[in-house]
Amino acid sequence: MVEGVHDKLELELRRGVVVLAVLSRLRTLRYGYELRQSLIAAGMPIEEGTLYPLLRRLESQGVLTSEWRGAQGPARRYYVLSAAGRDLLARLTATWHGMTKAMDDILDEERGDDS
């Protein structure tokens, strides 16, 4: 039972950080497959069925811009942060650092109590 609970909670944690991971990789122009491979290589696996709807949603929210390119080979949709996206990434990054600092402090405190 614990393993099933772990898997479910780990999935929830990943869902909570996937937007930040995607935004951080879109500081430069990337197409979907390239972005997915970049995230996988960094240890953040993401399914296509999660990534592409997320990209469309972020674009509709004005966080990303996209353009079709295809001079050599098939046309691909490339995504990059908009000005609002760069601002959002900076704000979410600051929030992330604050949260991870707090969690490090909490977990270190708990480890100290067990000694």
N, C-alpha and C. Protein backbone atom coordinates (compact mmCIF):
# COMPACT_ATOMS: atom_id res chain seq x y z
N MET A 1 0.82 -1.20 0.00
CA MET A 1 0.00 0.00 0.00
C MET A 1 0.86 1.26 0.00
N VAL A 2 1.94 1.26 0.77
CA VAL A 2 2.80 2.44 0.85
C VAL A 2 3.35 2.81 -0.52
N GLU A 3 3.73 1.80 -1.31
CA GLU A 3 4.28 2.08 -2.65
C GLU A 3 3.25 2.79 -3.52
N GLY A 4 2.02 2.36 -3.47
CA GLY A 4 0.96 3.01 -4.24
C GLY A 4 0.74 4.44 -3.79
N VAL A 5 0.79 4.66 -2.50
CA VAL A 5 0.64 6.01 -1.96
C VAL A 5 1.82 6.87 -2.41
N HIS A 6 3.03 6.32 -2.33
CA HIS A 6 4.22 7.05 -2.76
C HIS A 6 4.09 7.47 -4.22
N ASP A 7 3.71 6.54 -5.08
CA ASP A 7 3.61 6.84 -6.51
C ASP A 7 2.60 7.95 -6.77
N LYS A 8 1.47 7.90 -6.07
CA LYS A 8 0.43 8.92 -6.25
C LYS A 8 0.93 10.29 -5.78
N LEU A 9 1.57 10.31 -4.62
CA LEU A 9 2.05 11.59 -4.09
C LEU A 9 3.22 12.14 -4.91
N GLU A 10 4.08 11.24 -5.41
CA GLU A 10 5.16 11.70 -6.28
C GLU A 10 4.60 12.34 -7.54
N LEU A 11 3.55 11.74 -8.10
CA LEU A 11 2.91 12.31 -9.28
C LEU A 11 2.35 13.70 -8.98
N GLU A 12 1.77 13.87 -7.81
CA GLU A 12 1.25 15.19 -7.43
C GLU A 12 2.39 16.21 -7.33
N LEU A 13 3.51 15.80 -6.75
CA LEU A 13 4.66 16.71 -6.67
C LEU A 13 5.14 17.11 -8.06
N ARG A 14 5.24 16.13 -8.96
CA ARG A 14 5.69 16.42 -10.32
C ARG A 14 4.74 17.38 -11.03
N ARG A 15 3.44 17.16 -10.86
CA ARG A 15 2.47 18.06 -11.49
C ARG A 15 2.66 19.48 -11.00
N GLY A 16 3.05 19.60 -9.74
CA GLY A 16 3.23 20.92 -9.16
C GLY A 16 4.43 21.68 -9.71
N VAL A 17 5.39 20.98 -10.28
CA VAL A 17 6.60 21.66 -10.76
C VAL A 17 6.74 21.65 -12.28
N VAL A 18 5.87 20.95 -12.96
CA VAL A 18 6.03 20.81 -14.41
C VAL A 18 5.95 22.16 -15.13
N VAL A 19 5.09 23.05 -14.68
CA VAL A 19 4.99 24.36 -15.33
C VAL A 19 6.30 25.11 -15.20
N LEU A 20 6.87 25.11 -14.01
CA LEU A 20 8.15 25.79 -13.80
C LEU A 20 9.25 25.17 -14.65
N ALA A 21 9.26 23.86 -14.74
CA ALA A 21 10.27 23.17 -15.56
C ALA A 21 10.12 23.56 -17.04
N VAL A 22 8.89 23.56 -17.53
CA VAL A 22 8.64 23.91 -18.94
C VAL A 22 9.03 25.37 -19.20
N LEU A 23 8.61 26.26 -18.33
CA LEU A 23 8.95 27.68 -18.53
C LEU A 23 10.46 27.88 -18.53
N SER A 24 11.16 27.19 -17.64
CA SER A 24 12.61 27.38 -17.56
C SER A 24 13.31 26.93 -18.83
N ARG A 25 12.76 25.93 -19.52
CA ARG A 25 13.37 25.43 -20.75
C ARG A 25 12.97 26.26 -21.98
N LEU A 26 12.00 27.14 -21.82
CA LEU A 26 11.55 27.93 -22.97
C LEU A 26 12.09 29.36 -22.95
N ARG A 27 13.22 29.55 -22.29
CA ARG A 27 13.91 30.84 -22.40
C ARG A 27 14.41 31.01 -23.83
N THR A 28 14.67 29.89 -24.48
CA THR A 28 15.07 29.89 -25.89
C THR A 28 14.03 29.13 -26.69
N LEU A 29 13.96 29.43 -27.96
CA LEU A 29 12.98 28.83 -28.87
C LEU A 29 13.19 27.32 -28.97
N ARG A 30 12.13 26.55 -28.74
CA ARG A 30 12.19 25.09 -28.83
C ARG A 30 10.87 24.57 -29.39
N TYR A 31 10.96 23.46 -30.10
CA TYR A 31 9.72 22.79 -30.51
C TYR A 31 9.41 21.69 -29.51
N GLY A 32 8.18 21.22 -29.53
CA GLY A 32 7.67 20.32 -28.50
C GLY A 32 8.53 19.10 -28.23
N TYR A 33 8.90 18.36 -29.26
CA TYR A 33 9.68 17.14 -29.06
C TYR A 33 11.03 17.47 -28.43
N GLU A 34 11.67 18.52 -28.91
CA GLU A 34 12.96 18.95 -28.36
C GLU A 34 12.82 19.33 -26.88
N LEU A 35 11.76 20.04 -26.56
CA LEU A 35 11.49 20.43 -25.18
C LEU A 35 11.29 19.20 -24.31
N ARG A 36 10.49 18.26 -24.78
CA ARG A 36 10.24 17.03 -24.02
C ARG A 36 11.53 16.27 -23.77
N GLN A 37 12.36 16.12 -24.79
CA GLN A 37 13.63 15.41 -24.62
C GLN A 37 14.55 16.14 -23.64
N SER A 38 14.54 17.45 -23.68
CA SER A 38 15.35 18.24 -22.76
C SER A 38 14.91 18.02 -21.31
N LEU A 39 13.61 17.97 -21.10
CA LEU A 39 13.08 17.73 -19.76
C LEU A 39 13.41 16.31 -19.28
N ILE A 40 13.27 15.35 -20.17
CA ILE A 40 13.58 13.96 -19.82
C ILE A 40 15.05 13.84 -19.44
N ALA A 41 15.92 14.46 -20.24
CA ALA A 41 17.36 14.40 -19.97
C ALA A 41 17.71 15.04 -18.62
N ALA A 42 16.91 16.00 -18.20
CA ALA A 42 17.15 16.67 -16.92
C ALA A 42 16.50 15.94 -15.75
N GLY A 43 15.87 14.79 -16.03
CA GLY A 43 15.24 14.01 -14.96
C GLY A 43 13.80 14.37 -14.69
N MET A 44 13.17 15.09 -15.61
CA MET A 44 11.77 15.48 -15.46
C MET A 44 10.96 14.88 -16.60
N PRO A 45 10.68 13.57 -16.53
CA PRO A 45 9.90 12.95 -17.61
C PRO A 45 8.50 13.55 -17.69
N ILE A 46 8.03 13.75 -18.90
CA ILE A 46 6.70 14.31 -19.12
C ILE A 46 6.11 13.65 -20.35
N GLU A 47 4.87 13.26 -20.24
CA GLU A 47 4.19 12.60 -21.35
C GLU A 47 3.73 13.64 -22.38
N GLU A 48 3.68 13.22 -23.63
CA GLU A 48 3.20 14.12 -24.69
C GLU A 48 1.78 14.61 -24.38
N GLY A 49 0.97 13.72 -23.83
CA GLY A 49 -0.41 14.07 -23.50
C GLY A 49 -0.53 15.10 -22.40
N THR A 50 0.54 15.33 -21.68
CA THR A 50 0.59 16.38 -20.67
C THR A 50 1.22 17.64 -21.25
N LEU A 51 2.30 17.45 -22.01
CA LEU A 51 3.08 18.59 -22.51
C LEU A 51 2.32 19.46 -23.51
N TYR A 52 1.77 18.85 -24.53
CA TYR A 52 1.17 19.66 -25.60
C TYR A 52 -0.06 20.45 -25.14
N PRO A 53 -0.95 19.86 -24.34
CA PRO A 53 -2.05 20.69 -23.81
C PRO A 53 -1.54 21.82 -22.92
N LEU A 54 -0.48 21.55 -22.14
CA LEU A 54 0.10 22.59 -21.29
C LEU A 54 0.65 23.73 -22.14
N LEU A 55 1.37 23.40 -23.22
CA LEU A 55 1.91 24.44 -24.10
C LEU A 55 0.78 25.29 -24.69
N ARG A 56 -0.29 24.65 -25.13
CA ARG A 56 -1.42 25.41 -25.70
C ARG A 56 -2.07 26.30 -24.64
N ARG A 57 -2.21 25.77 -23.43
CA ARG A 57 -2.82 26.56 -22.36
C ARG A 57 -1.94 27.76 -22.01
N LEU A 58 -0.64 27.54 -21.87
CA LEU A 58 0.26 28.65 -21.54
C LEU A 58 0.28 29.70 -22.65
N GLU A 59 0.19 29.25 -23.90
CA GLU A 59 0.13 30.22 -25.00
C GLU A 59 -1.17 31.02 -24.94
N SER A 60 -2.28 30.35 -24.67
CA SER A 60 -3.56 31.06 -24.61
C SER A 60 -3.60 32.04 -23.43
N GLN A 61 -2.79 31.79 -22.41
CA GLN A 61 -2.70 32.69 -21.26
C GLN A 61 -1.71 33.83 -21.49
N GLY A 62 -1.04 33.83 -22.64
CA GLY A 62 -0.11 34.90 -22.97
C GLY A 62 1.28 34.71 -22.39
N VAL A 63 1.56 33.52 -21.87
CA VAL A 63 2.85 33.24 -21.26
C VAL A 63 3.88 32.84 -22.31
N LEU A 64 3.42 32.21 -23.38
CA LEU A 64 4.28 31.75 -24.48
C LEU A 64 3.83 32.37 -25.78
N THR A 65 4.76 32.45 -26.71
CA THR A 65 4.42 32.74 -28.10
C THR A 65 4.91 31.55 -28.91
N SER A 66 4.33 31.38 -30.08
CA SER A 66 4.77 30.27 -30.92
C SER A 66 4.78 30.70 -32.37
N GLU A 67 5.53 29.93 -33.15
CA GLU A 67 5.57 30.17 -34.59
C GLU A 67 5.90 28.85 -35.28
N TRP A 68 5.38 28.72 -36.48
CA TRP A 68 5.67 27.54 -37.29
C TRP A 68 6.92 27.79 -38.09
N ARG A 69 7.81 26.79 -38.11
CA ARG A 69 9.02 26.85 -38.92
C ARG A 69 9.18 25.51 -39.62
N GLY A 70 9.64 25.56 -40.84
CA GLY A 70 9.81 24.30 -41.55
C GLY A 70 10.57 24.42 -42.84
N ALA A 71 11.61 25.22 -42.88
CA ALA A 71 12.39 25.39 -44.11
C ALA A 71 13.03 24.08 -44.55
N GLN A 72 13.51 23.31 -43.58
CA GLN A 72 14.12 22.00 -43.88
C GLN A 72 13.33 20.95 -43.12
N GLY A 73 12.66 20.09 -43.84
CA GLY A 73 11.87 19.03 -43.20
C GLY A 73 10.47 19.51 -42.87
N PRO A 74 9.77 18.73 -42.07
CA PRO A 74 8.38 19.07 -41.75
C PRO A 74 8.30 20.33 -40.87
N ALA A 75 7.20 21.06 -41.02
CA ALA A 75 7.00 22.26 -40.20
C ALA A 75 6.81 21.85 -38.74
N ARG A 76 7.41 22.62 -37.87
CA ARG A 76 7.29 22.39 -36.44
C ARG A 76 6.88 23.69 -35.76
N ARG A 77 6.09 23.53 -34.70
CA ARG A 77 5.69 24.70 -33.92
C ARG A 77 6.73 24.92 -32.83
N TYR A 78 7.34 26.08 -32.84
CA TYR A 78 8.36 26.46 -31.85
C TYR A 78 7.73 27.40 -30.82
N TYR A 79 8.11 27.19 -29.57
CA TYR A 79 7.58 27.99 -28.46
C TYR A 79 8.73 28.72 -27.77
N VAL A 80 8.40 29.88 -27.22
CA VAL A 80 9.36 30.66 -26.43
C VAL A 80 8.56 31.53 -25.46
N LEU A 81 9.19 31.90 -24.36
CA LEU A 81 8.52 32.77 -23.39
C LEU A 81 8.22 34.13 -23.99
N SER A 82 7.06 34.65 -23.68
CA SER A 82 6.72 36.04 -24.01
C SER A 82 7.29 36.91 -22.88
N ALA A 83 7.14 38.21 -22.99
CA ALA A 83 7.59 39.10 -21.91
C ALA A 83 6.87 38.75 -20.62
N ALA A 84 5.58 38.49 -20.70
CA ALA A 84 4.82 38.08 -19.51
C ALA A 84 5.33 36.75 -18.98
N GLY A 85 5.72 35.86 -19.88
CA GLY A 85 6.26 34.57 -19.47
C GLY A 85 7.59 34.70 -18.75
N ARG A 86 8.44 35.61 -19.22
CA ARG A 86 9.72 35.84 -18.55
C ARG A 86 9.49 36.38 -17.14
N ASP A 87 8.53 37.28 -17.01
CA ASP A 87 8.18 37.82 -15.70
C ASP A 87 7.62 36.71 -14.80
N LEU A 88 6.73 35.90 -15.34
CA LEU A 88 6.16 34.80 -14.57
C LEU A 88 7.24 33.81 -14.14
N LEU A 89 8.15 33.48 -15.03
CA LEU A 89 9.24 32.57 -14.68
C LEU A 89 10.07 33.13 -13.53
N ALA A 90 10.39 34.40 -13.58
CA ALA A 90 11.17 35.03 -12.50
C ALA A 90 10.42 34.95 -11.18
N ARG A 91 9.13 35.23 -11.21
CA ARG A 91 8.33 35.20 -9.98
C ARG A 91 8.18 33.79 -9.44
N LEU A 92 7.90 32.83 -10.34
CA LEU A 92 7.76 31.44 -9.89
C LEU A 92 9.08 30.88 -9.39
N THR A 93 10.19 31.28 -10.01
CA THR A 93 11.51 30.84 -9.56
C THR A 93 11.77 31.34 -8.14
N ALA A 94 11.44 32.59 -7.87
CA ALA A 94 11.62 33.14 -6.52
C ALA A 94 10.74 32.39 -5.52
N THR A 95 9.52 32.10 -5.91
CA THR A 95 8.61 31.33 -5.06
C THR A 95 9.18 29.95 -4.80
N TRP A 96 9.68 29.30 -5.87
CA TRP A 96 10.26 27.96 -5.73
C TRP A 96 11.43 27.97 -4.75
N HIS A 97 12.33 28.93 -4.89
CA HIS A 97 13.49 29.00 -3.99
C HIS A 97 13.05 29.20 -2.55
N GLY A 98 12.04 30.03 -2.35
CA GLY A 98 11.52 30.24 -0.99
C GLY A 98 10.91 28.97 -0.42
N MET A 99 10.16 28.25 -1.24
CA MET A 99 9.52 27.01 -0.78
C MET A 99 10.55 25.92 -0.51
N THR A 100 11.54 25.79 -1.39
CA THR A 100 12.54 24.74 -1.16
C THR A 100 13.40 25.06 0.06
N LYS A 101 13.69 26.34 0.29
CA LYS A 101 14.42 26.74 1.49
C LYS A 101 13.61 26.37 2.73
N ALA A 102 12.33 26.69 2.71
CA ALA A 102 11.48 26.37 3.86
C ALA A 102 11.41 24.86 4.08
N MET A 103 11.27 24.09 3.01
CA MET A 103 11.20 22.64 3.15
C MET A 103 12.53 22.07 3.63
N ASP A 104 13.64 22.60 3.13
CA ASP A 104 14.95 22.15 3.61
C ASP A 104 15.07 22.40 5.11
N ASP A 105 14.63 23.58 5.55
CA ASP A 105 14.68 23.90 6.97
C ASP A 105 13.80 22.96 7.78
N ILE A 106 12.59 22.71 7.29
CA ILE A 106 11.67 21.81 7.98
C ILE A 106 12.22 20.41 8.06
N LEU A 107 12.73 19.90 6.93
CA LEU A 107 13.25 18.53 6.92
C LEU A 107 14.53 18.42 7.75
N ASP A 108 15.38 19.44 7.71
CA ASP A 108 16.60 19.41 8.53
C ASP A 108 16.24 19.45 10.01
N GLU A 109 15.25 20.22 10.36
CA GLU A 109 14.79 20.31 11.75
C GLU A 109 14.26 18.96 12.21
N GLU A 110 13.49 18.32 11.35
CA GLU A 110 12.93 17.01 11.69
C GLU A 110 14.04 15.98 11.87
N ARG A 111 15.05 16.01 11.00
CA ARG A 111 16.17 15.08 11.13
C ARG A 111 16.91 15.32 12.44
N GLY A 112 17.03 16.56 12.83
CA GLY A 112 17.69 16.90 14.09
C GLY A 112 16.93 16.38 15.29
N ASP A 113 15.59 16.37 15.20
CA ASP A 113 14.78 15.89 16.32
C ASP A 113 14.92 14.39 16.52
N ASP A 114 15.29 13.66 15.44
CA ASP A 114 15.40 12.22 15.52
C ASP A 114 16.73 11.77 16.10
N SER A 115 17.70 12.67 16.26
CA SER A 115 19.04 12.27 16.73
C SER A 115 19.03 11.88 18.18
